[in-house]
Amino acid sequence: MIKGAVFDMDGLMFDSERFVYEIWQSMLDEIGLEYNLNIYKNTVGLRADRTEVYYKSIYGRDFDYKTLKAKSRQLFYERVEREGVPVKKGLFEMLEYLKTQNIKISLATSTSSQTALKLLKMANVYDYFDAFVCGDDVKNGKPHPEVFLTAAEKLELAPENCAAFEDSINGIKSASAAKMKTVMVPDFLQPTDEVLPLIDFLCEDLSQAIKYIENENIAK
C-alpha cells in the first residue's frame, strides 16, 4: 500500500530545467565554449559536485564551475522573480489528492536546500510537504538511493510503502534501488531501454498518476 509520496523537484514539479539550460547556454556562449542540449542532459538529476566533475571532464580542470554555478543561480532567481516559478501540469492536482488520502509527502532533490526550499515557497507548495531531503542533506547523489531512503526515514515509512516521482533516469535508478514504486514523468530525458524495466508507471503529467496510486491501494 502506498502511504508516502516522494517527489523530485526540477523537471518534475517545476519546468526549471529549461530555464537552467538556457542560462548555461548563454553563459558558455559568452566565454566562447561549445555547449549544447546533449551536454546539459548529462547533468540532469546530478548533484552539483558530480556536475562539476562532468564539466571539467569536457572543458578541463581550470573550468571555473563554482563561479558559473553561482552566476547561473543568480540569473535563475532573477528570471523566476520576473516570470514566476514555472509549475508543471498536474502538480497541484496531485498534491491535493495526496492530502485528501492522508498520504505523506517528502521532497527528494539533488538541488541545494537553499534553492529548493525557496522555490517551493515561491510556488506556494511548501506547506504540502511533511519532509524535505535536498542535495546537501545526503552524502551520495542520485543514482545512489540515499536521498530516497532518507526521505522514507523522515516520513517514518518503509521505502516499499512509498511511491517516488521522477523525471530523470538517474532519479528512477535511485528510487528503484531504494525499493520504492517508481513513477516517471519524462521532461528532457525519455526512458531508455535500460531504465524501462525499473519504471512502475509512465505518464505525461503528474495528475495521470492519481489513478495508479488509487489502483495500487485498492489492490492492497
C-alpha atoms as a PDB file:
ATOM      1  CA  MET A   1       0.000   0.000   0.000  1.00  0.00           C
ATOM      2  CA  ILE A   2       1.255   3.468  -0.863  1.00  0.00           C
ATOM      3  CA  LYS A   3       1.441   5.571   2.284  1.00  0.00           C
ATOM      4  CA  GLY A   4       4.091   8.056   1.173  1.00  0.00           C
ATOM      5  CA  ALA A   5       4.896  10.059  -1.946  1.00  0.00           C
ATOM      6  CA  VAL A   6       8.437  11.267  -2.597  1.00  0.00           C
ATOM      7  CA  PHE A   7       8.970  13.981  -5.205  1.00  0.00           C
ATOM      8  CA  ASP A   8      11.943  15.107  -7.198  1.00  0.00           C
ATOM      9  CA  MET A   9      11.739  18.835  -7.960  1.00  0.00           C
ATOM     10  CA  ASP A  10      13.468  20.201 -11.090  1.00  0.00           C
ATOM     11  CA  GLY A  11      11.879  18.929 -14.273  1.00  0.00           C
ATOM     12  CA  LEU A  12       9.147  17.125 -12.348  1.00  0.00           C
ATOM     13  CA  MET A  13       7.301  19.720 -10.268  1.00  0.00           C
ATOM     14  CA  PHE A  14       8.813  22.766 -11.945  1.00  0.00           C
ATOM     15  CA  ASP A  15       9.774  23.395 -15.569  1.00  0.00           C
ATOM     16  CA  SER A  16      13.046  24.775 -14.231  1.00  0.00           C
ATOM     17  CA  GLU A  17      15.361  22.589 -16.294  1.00  0.00           C
ATOM     18  CA  ARG A  18      14.583  24.679 -19.371  1.00  0.00           C
ATOM     19  CA  PHE A  19      15.446  27.884 -17.541  1.00  0.00           C
ATOM     20  CA  VAL A  20      18.729  26.407 -16.327  1.00  0.00           C
ATOM     21  CA  TYR A  21      19.705  25.062 -19.726  1.00  0.00           C
ATOM     22  CA  GLU A  22      19.054  28.406 -21.423  1.00  0.00           C
ATOM     23  CA  ILE A  23      21.116  30.212 -18.785  1.00  0.00           C
ATOM     24  CA  TRP A  24      24.085  27.829 -19.133  1.00  0.00           C
ATOM     25  CA  GLN A  25      23.913  28.036 -22.913  1.00  0.00           C
ATOM     26  CA  SER A  26      24.070  31.831 -22.726  1.00  0.00           C
ATOM     27  CA  MET A  27      26.930  31.861 -20.199  1.00  0.00           C
ATOM     28  CA  LEU A  28      29.111  29.437 -22.150  1.00  0.00           C
ATOM     29  CA  ASP A  29      28.369  31.232 -25.405  1.00  0.00           C
ATOM     30  CA  GLU A  30      29.702  34.398 -23.761  1.00  0.00           C
ATOM     31  CA  ILE A  31      33.037  32.792 -22.869  1.00  0.00           C
ATOM     32  CA  GLY A  32      33.361  31.025 -26.206  1.00  0.00           C
ATOM     33  CA  LEU A  33      32.902  27.420 -25.100  1.00  0.00           C
ATOM     34  CA  GLU A  34      30.876  24.955 -27.127  1.00  0.00           C
ATOM     35  CA  TYR A  35      27.707  23.899 -25.331  1.00  0.00           C
ATOM     36  CA  ASN A  36      24.507  22.149 -26.358  1.00  0.00           C
ATOM     37  CA  LEU A  37      21.431  20.399 -25.055  1.00  0.00           C
ATOM     38  CA  ASN A  38      23.057  16.972 -25.110  1.00  0.00           C
ATOM     39  CA  ILE A  39      25.800  18.164 -22.757  1.00  0.00           C
ATOM     40  CA  TYR A  40      23.201  19.647 -20.428  1.00  0.00           C
ATOM     41  CA  LYS A  41      21.094  16.470 -20.456  1.00  0.00           C
ATOM     42  CA  ASN A  42      24.028  14.559 -18.959  1.00  0.00           C
ATOM     43  CA  THR A  43      23.798  16.758 -15.856  1.00  0.00           C
ATOM     44  CA  VAL A  44      20.056  16.300 -15.260  1.00  0.00           C
ATOM     45  CA  GLY A  45      19.451  14.688 -11.877  1.00  0.00           C
ATOM     46  CA  LEU A  46      23.070  15.124 -10.758  1.00  0.00           C
ATOM     47  CA  ARG A  47      24.219  16.934  -7.650  1.00  0.00           C
ATOM     48  CA  ALA A  48      26.471  19.966  -8.111  1.00  0.00           C
ATOM     49  CA  ASP A  49      29.655  18.094  -7.164  1.00  0.00           C
ATOM     50  CA  ARG A  50      29.097  15.428  -9.825  1.00  0.00           C
ATOM     51  CA  THR A  51      28.080  18.063 -12.379  1.00  0.00           C
ATOM     52  CA  GLU A  52      31.373  19.860 -11.705  1.00  0.00           C
ATOM     53  CA  VAL A  53      33.327  16.658 -12.352  1.00  0.00           C
ATOM     54  CA  TYR A  54      31.438  16.124 -15.606  1.00  0.00           C
ATOM     55  CA  TYR A  55      32.015  19.665 -16.885  1.00  0.00           C
ATOM     56  CA  LYS A  56      35.711  19.521 -16.021  1.00  0.00           C
ATOM     57  CA  SER A  57      35.981  16.260 -17.958  1.00  0.00           C
ATOM     58  CA  ILE A  58      34.826  18.229 -21.002  1.00  0.00           C
ATOM     59  CA  TYR A  59      36.362  21.669 -20.506  1.00  0.00           C
ATOM     60  CA  GLY A  60      39.427  20.879 -18.413  1.00  0.00           C
ATOM     61  CA  ARG A  61      40.468  21.203 -14.792  1.00  0.00           C
ATOM     62  CA  ASP A  62      40.646  25.006 -14.988  1.00  0.00           C
ATOM     63  CA  PHE A  63      36.937  25.293 -15.804  1.00  0.00           C
ATOM     64  CA  ASP A  64      35.551  27.622 -13.105  1.00  0.00           C
ATOM     65  CA  TYR A  65      32.361  25.715 -12.395  1.00  0.00           C
ATOM     66  CA  LYS A  66      31.695  27.218  -8.973  1.00  0.00           C
ATOM     67  CA  THR A  67      31.739  30.804 -10.264  1.00  0.00           C
ATOM     68  CA  LEU A  68      29.486  29.929 -13.181  1.00  0.00           C
ATOM     69  CA  LYS A  69      27.173  27.955 -10.899  1.00  0.00           C
ATOM     70  CA  ALA A  70      26.791  30.985  -8.618  1.00  0.00           C
ATOM     71  CA  LYS A  71      26.116  33.222 -11.611  1.00  0.00           C
ATOM     72  CA  SER A  72      23.562  30.773 -13.015  1.00  0.00           C
ATOM     73  CA  ARG A  73      21.747  30.681  -9.663  1.00  0.00           C
ATOM     74  CA  GLN A  74      21.567  34.482  -9.594  1.00  0.00           C
ATOM     75  CA  LEU A  75      20.267  34.640 -13.171  1.00  0.00           C
ATOM     76  CA  PHE A  76      17.771  31.883 -12.405  1.00  0.00           C
ATOM     77  CA  TYR A  77      16.379  33.734  -9.389  1.00  0.00           C
ATOM     78  CA  GLU A  78      16.121  36.935 -11.423  1.00  0.00           C
ATOM     79  CA  ARG A  79      14.131  35.139 -14.107  1.00  0.00           C
ATOM     80  CA  VAL A  80      11.854  33.457 -11.577  1.00  0.00           C
ATOM     81  CA  GLU A  81      11.248  36.808  -9.882  1.00  0.00           C
ATOM     82  CA  ARG A  82      10.210  38.242 -13.258  1.00  0.00           C
ATOM     83  CA  GLU A  83       8.202  35.320 -14.594  1.00  0.00           C
ATOM     84  CA  GLY A  84       7.265  33.228 -11.533  1.00  0.00           C
ATOM     85  CA  VAL A  85       8.121  29.594 -10.819  1.00  0.00           C
ATOM     86  CA  PRO A  86       7.099  27.535 -13.884  1.00  0.00           C
ATOM     87  CA  VAL A  87       4.875  24.869 -12.322  1.00  0.00           C
ATOM     88  CA  LYS A  88       4.398  21.664 -14.309  1.00  0.00           C
ATOM     89  CA  LYS A  89       0.958  20.445 -15.347  1.00  0.00           C
ATOM     90  CA  GLY A  90      -0.816  18.284 -12.786  1.00  0.00           C
ATOM     91  CA  LEU A  91       1.275  19.246  -9.751  1.00  0.00           C
ATOM     92  CA  PHE A  92      -1.400  20.928  -7.654  1.00  0.00           C
ATOM     93  CA  GLU A  93      -3.971  18.283  -8.591  1.00  0.00           C
ATOM     94  CA  MET A  94      -1.645  15.527  -7.422  1.00  0.00           C
ATOM     95  CA  LEU A  95      -0.654  17.267  -4.189  1.00  0.00           C
ATOM     96  CA  GLU A  96      -4.297  17.952  -3.306  1.00  0.00           C
ATOM     97  CA  TYR A  97      -5.195  14.332  -3.993  1.00  0.00           C
ATOM     98  CA  LEU A  98      -2.394  13.031  -1.770  1.00  0.00           C
ATOM     99  CA  LYS A  99      -3.530  15.254   1.090  1.00  0.00           C
ATOM    100  CA  THR A 100      -7.132  14.038   0.809  1.00  0.00           C
ATOM    101  CA  GLN A 101      -5.834  10.455   1.075  1.00  0.00           C
ATOM    102  CA  ASN A 102      -3.602  11.238   4.084  1.00  0.00           C
ATOM    103  CA  ILE A 103      -0.555  10.153   2.102  1.00  0.00           C
ATOM    104  CA  LYS A 104       2.607  11.742   3.498  1.00  0.00           C
ATOM    105  CA  ILE A 105       4.743  13.803   1.110  1.00  0.00           C
ATOM    106  CA  SER A 106       8.506  14.356   1.006  1.00  0.00           C
ATOM    107  CA  LEU A 107      10.913  16.144  -1.274  1.00  0.00           C
ATOM    108  CA  ALA A 108      13.949  14.240  -2.602  1.00  0.00           C
ATOM    109  CA  THR A 109      16.009  16.554  -4.774  1.00  0.00           C
ATOM    110  CA  SER A 110      19.633  16.916  -5.817  1.00  0.00           C
ATOM    111  CA  THR A 111      19.211  20.703  -5.583  1.00  0.00           C
ATOM    112  CA  SER A 112      20.626  22.500  -2.536  1.00  0.00           C
ATOM    113  CA  SER A 113      18.265  23.239   0.345  1.00  0.00           C
ATOM    114  CA  GLN A 114      18.868  26.983  -0.080  1.00  0.00           C
ATOM    115  CA  THR A 115      17.468  26.899  -3.612  1.00  0.00           C
ATOM    116  CA  ALA A 116      14.896  24.126  -3.249  1.00  0.00           C
ATOM    117  CA  LEU A 117      13.063  25.457  -0.208  1.00  0.00           C
ATOM    118  CA  LYS A 118      12.968  28.953  -1.662  1.00  0.00           C
ATOM    119  CA  LEU A 119      11.382  27.687  -4.889  1.00  0.00           C
ATOM    120  CA  LEU A 120       8.816  25.588  -3.020  1.00  0.00           C
ATOM    121  CA  LYS A 121       7.746  28.652  -1.070  1.00  0.00           C
ATOM    122  CA  MET A 122       7.644  30.871  -4.152  1.00  0.00           C
ATOM    123  CA  ALA A 123       5.455  28.311  -5.929  1.00  0.00           C
ATOM    124  CA  ASN A 124       3.118  28.040  -2.904  1.00  0.00           C
ATOM    125  CA  VAL A 125       3.639  24.286  -2.490  1.00  0.00           C
ATOM    126  CA  TYR A 126       5.926  24.243   0.580  1.00  0.00           C
ATOM    127  CA  ASP A 127       3.085  23.577   3.021  1.00  0.00           C
ATOM    128  CA  TYR A 128       2.046  20.387   1.257  1.00  0.00           C
ATOM    129  CA  PHE A 129       5.287  18.691   2.311  1.00  0.00           C
ATOM    130  CA  ASP A 130       5.871  16.739   5.502  1.00  0.00           C
ATOM    131  CA  ALA A 131       9.632  16.309   4.971  1.00  0.00           C
ATOM    132  CA  PHE A 132      12.470  17.647   2.850  1.00  0.00           C
ATOM    133  CA  VAL A 133      15.667  15.984   1.654  1.00  0.00           C
ATOM    134  CA  CYS A 134      17.965  18.104  -0.506  1.00  0.00           C
ATOM    135  CA  GLY A 135      21.329  17.620  -2.165  1.00  0.00           C
ATOM    136  CA  ASP A 136      23.272  18.972   0.801  1.00  0.00           C
ATOM    137  CA  ASP A 137      21.431  16.671   3.234  1.00  0.00           C
ATOM    138  CA  VAL A 138      22.977  13.466   1.886  1.00  0.00           C
ATOM    139  CA  LYS A 139      26.470  12.210   1.177  1.00  0.00           C
ATOM    140  CA  ASN A 140      25.655  10.378  -2.049  1.00  0.00           C
ATOM    141  CA  GLY A 141      23.800  11.868  -5.003  1.00  0.00           C
ATOM    142  CA  LYS A 142      21.462  10.081  -7.405  1.00  0.00           C
ATOM    143  CA  PRO A 143      21.571   7.373  -8.763  1.00  0.00           C
ATOM    144  CA  HIS A 144      22.594   6.246  -5.261  1.00  0.00           C
ATOM    145  CA  PRO A 145      19.401   5.504  -3.253  1.00  0.00           C
ATOM    146  CA  GLU A 146      20.394   7.539  -0.185  1.00  0.00           C
ATOM    147  CA  VAL A 147      18.144  10.536  -0.902  1.00  0.00           C
ATOM    148  CA  PHE A 148      15.042   8.332  -1.224  1.00  0.00           C
ATOM    149  CA  LEU A 149      15.936   6.147   1.749  1.00  0.00           C
ATOM    150  CA  THR A 150      16.398   9.295   3.830  1.00  0.00           C
ATOM    151  CA  ALA A 151      13.028  10.625   2.668  1.00  0.00           C
ATOM    152  CA  ALA A 152      11.287   7.390   3.708  1.00  0.00           C
ATOM    153  CA  GLU A 153      13.029   7.536   7.068  1.00  0.00           C
ATOM    154  CA  LYS A 154      11.876  11.121   7.628  1.00  0.00           C
ATOM    155  CA  LEU A 155       8.307  10.102   6.763  1.00  0.00           C
ATOM    156  CA  GLU A 156       8.661   7.145   9.164  1.00  0.00           C
ATOM    157  CA  LEU A 157       7.636   4.746   6.413  1.00  0.00           C
ATOM    158  CA  ALA A 158       9.168   1.697   4.781  1.00  0.00           C
ATOM    159  CA  PRO A 159      10.504   2.537   1.292  1.00  0.00           C
ATOM    160  CA  GLU A 160       8.273  -0.237  -0.096  1.00  0.00           C
ATOM    161  CA  ASN A 161       5.243   1.801   1.027  1.00  0.00           C
ATOM    162  CA  CYS A 162       6.352   4.884  -0.879  1.00  0.00           C
ATOM    163  CA  ALA A 163       5.920   5.986  -4.476  1.00  0.00           C
ATOM    164  CA  ALA A 164       8.742   8.028  -5.985  1.00  0.00           C
ATOM    165  CA  PHE A 165       8.001  10.608  -8.676  1.00  0.00           C
ATOM    166  CA  GLU A 166      10.856  11.389 -11.046  1.00  0.00           C
ATOM    167  CA  ASP A 167      11.610  12.849 -14.467  1.00  0.00           C
ATOM    168  CA  SER A 168      15.222  11.722 -14.821  1.00  0.00           C
ATOM    169  CA  ILE A 169      16.912   8.403 -15.492  1.00  0.00           C
ATOM    170  CA  ASN A 170      19.285   8.818 -12.552  1.00  0.00           C
ATOM    171  CA  GLY A 171      16.291   9.570 -10.352  1.00  0.00           C
ATOM    172  CA  ILE A 172      14.446   6.423 -11.409  1.00  0.00           C
ATOM    173  CA  LYS A 173      17.578   4.338 -10.785  1.00  0.00           C
ATOM    174  CA  SER A 174      17.899   5.912  -7.348  1.00  0.00           C
ATOM    175  CA  ALA A 175      14.258   5.313  -6.379  1.00  0.00           C
ATOM    176  CA  SER A 176      14.258   1.771  -7.725  1.00  0.00           C
ATOM    177  CA  ALA A 177      17.405   0.948  -5.763  1.00  0.00           C
ATOM    178  CA  ALA A 178      15.590   2.240  -2.659  1.00  0.00           C
ATOM    179  CA  LYS A 179      12.813  -0.321  -3.383  1.00  0.00           C
ATOM    180  CA  MET A 180      10.133   2.343  -3.913  1.00  0.00           C
ATOM    181  CA  LYS A 181       7.368   2.211  -6.503  1.00  0.00           C
ATOM    182  CA  THR A 182       8.512   4.404  -9.378  1.00  0.00           C
ATOM    183  CA  VAL A 183       6.510   6.889 -11.422  1.00  0.00           C
ATOM    184  CA  MET A 184       8.294   8.626 -14.289  1.00  0.00           C
ATOM    185  CA  VAL A 185       7.060  11.823 -15.903  1.00  0.00           C
ATOM    186  CA  PRO A 186       9.711  12.465 -18.588  1.00  0.00           C
ATOM    187  CA  ASP A 187      10.965  16.001 -19.141  1.00  0.00           C
ATOM    188  CA  PHE A 188      14.243  16.400 -21.055  1.00  0.00           C
ATOM    189  CA  LEU A 189      15.043  12.697 -20.860  1.00  0.00           C
ATOM    190  CA  GLN A 190      12.914   9.903 -22.256  1.00  0.00           C
ATOM    191  CA  PRO A 191      13.278   6.483 -20.589  1.00  0.00           C
ATOM    192  CA  THR A 192      15.954   4.261 -22.092  1.00  0.00           C
ATOM    193  CA  ASP A 193      15.703   0.520 -22.653  1.00  0.00           C
ATOM    194  CA  GLU A 194      17.907   0.131 -19.585  1.00  0.00           C
ATOM    195  CA  VAL A 195      15.588   2.066 -17.277  1.00  0.00           C
ATOM    196  CA  LEU A 196      12.173   0.996 -18.620  1.00  0.00           C
ATOM    197  CA  PRO A 197      12.071  -2.201 -16.503  1.00  0.00           C
ATOM    198  CA  LEU A 198      12.597  -0.040 -13.384  1.00  0.00           C
ATOM    199  CA  ILE A 199       9.503   2.113 -14.032  1.00  0.00           C
ATOM    200  CA  ASP A 200       6.220   1.023 -12.460  1.00  0.00           C
ATOM    201  CA  PHE A 201       4.141   3.738 -14.109  1.00  0.00           C
ATOM    202  CA  LEU A 202       4.980   6.070 -17.003  1.00  0.00           C
ATOM    203  CA  CYS A 203       2.854   9.153 -17.653  1.00  0.00           C
ATOM    204  CA  GLU A 204       2.815  12.570 -19.318  1.00  0.00           C
ATOM    205  CA  ASP A 205       1.902  14.658 -16.271  1.00  0.00           C
ATOM    206  CA  LEU A 206       1.559  14.118 -12.534  1.00  0.00           C
ATOM    207  CA  SER A 207      -2.225  14.073 -12.459  1.00  0.00           C
ATOM    208  CA  GLN A 208      -2.226  10.938 -14.606  1.00  0.00           C
ATOM    209  CA  ALA A 209      -0.544   9.069 -11.750  1.00  0.00           C
ATOM    210  CA  ILE A 210      -3.532   9.550  -9.439  1.00  0.00           C
ATOM    211  CA  LYS A 211      -5.253   6.526 -10.970  1.00  0.00           C
ATOM    212  CA  TYR A 212      -2.081   4.468 -10.484  1.00  0.00           C
ATOM    213  CA  ILE A 213      -1.995   5.247  -6.748  1.00  0.00           C
ATOM    214  CA  GLU A 214      -5.711   4.513  -6.427  1.00  0.00           C
ATOM    215  CA  ASN A 215      -5.298   1.148  -8.133  1.00  0.00           C
ATOM    216  CA  GLU A 216      -2.259   0.240  -6.037  1.00  0.00           C
ATOM    217  CA  ASN A 217      -4.106   0.998  -2.800  1.00  0.00           C
ATOM    218  CA  ILE A 218      -7.295  -0.780  -3.875  1.00  0.00           C
ATOM    219  CA  ALA A 219      -5.241  -3.854  -4.794  1.00  0.00           C
ATOM    220  CA  LYS A 220      -3.758  -3.924  -1.281  1.00  0.00           C
END
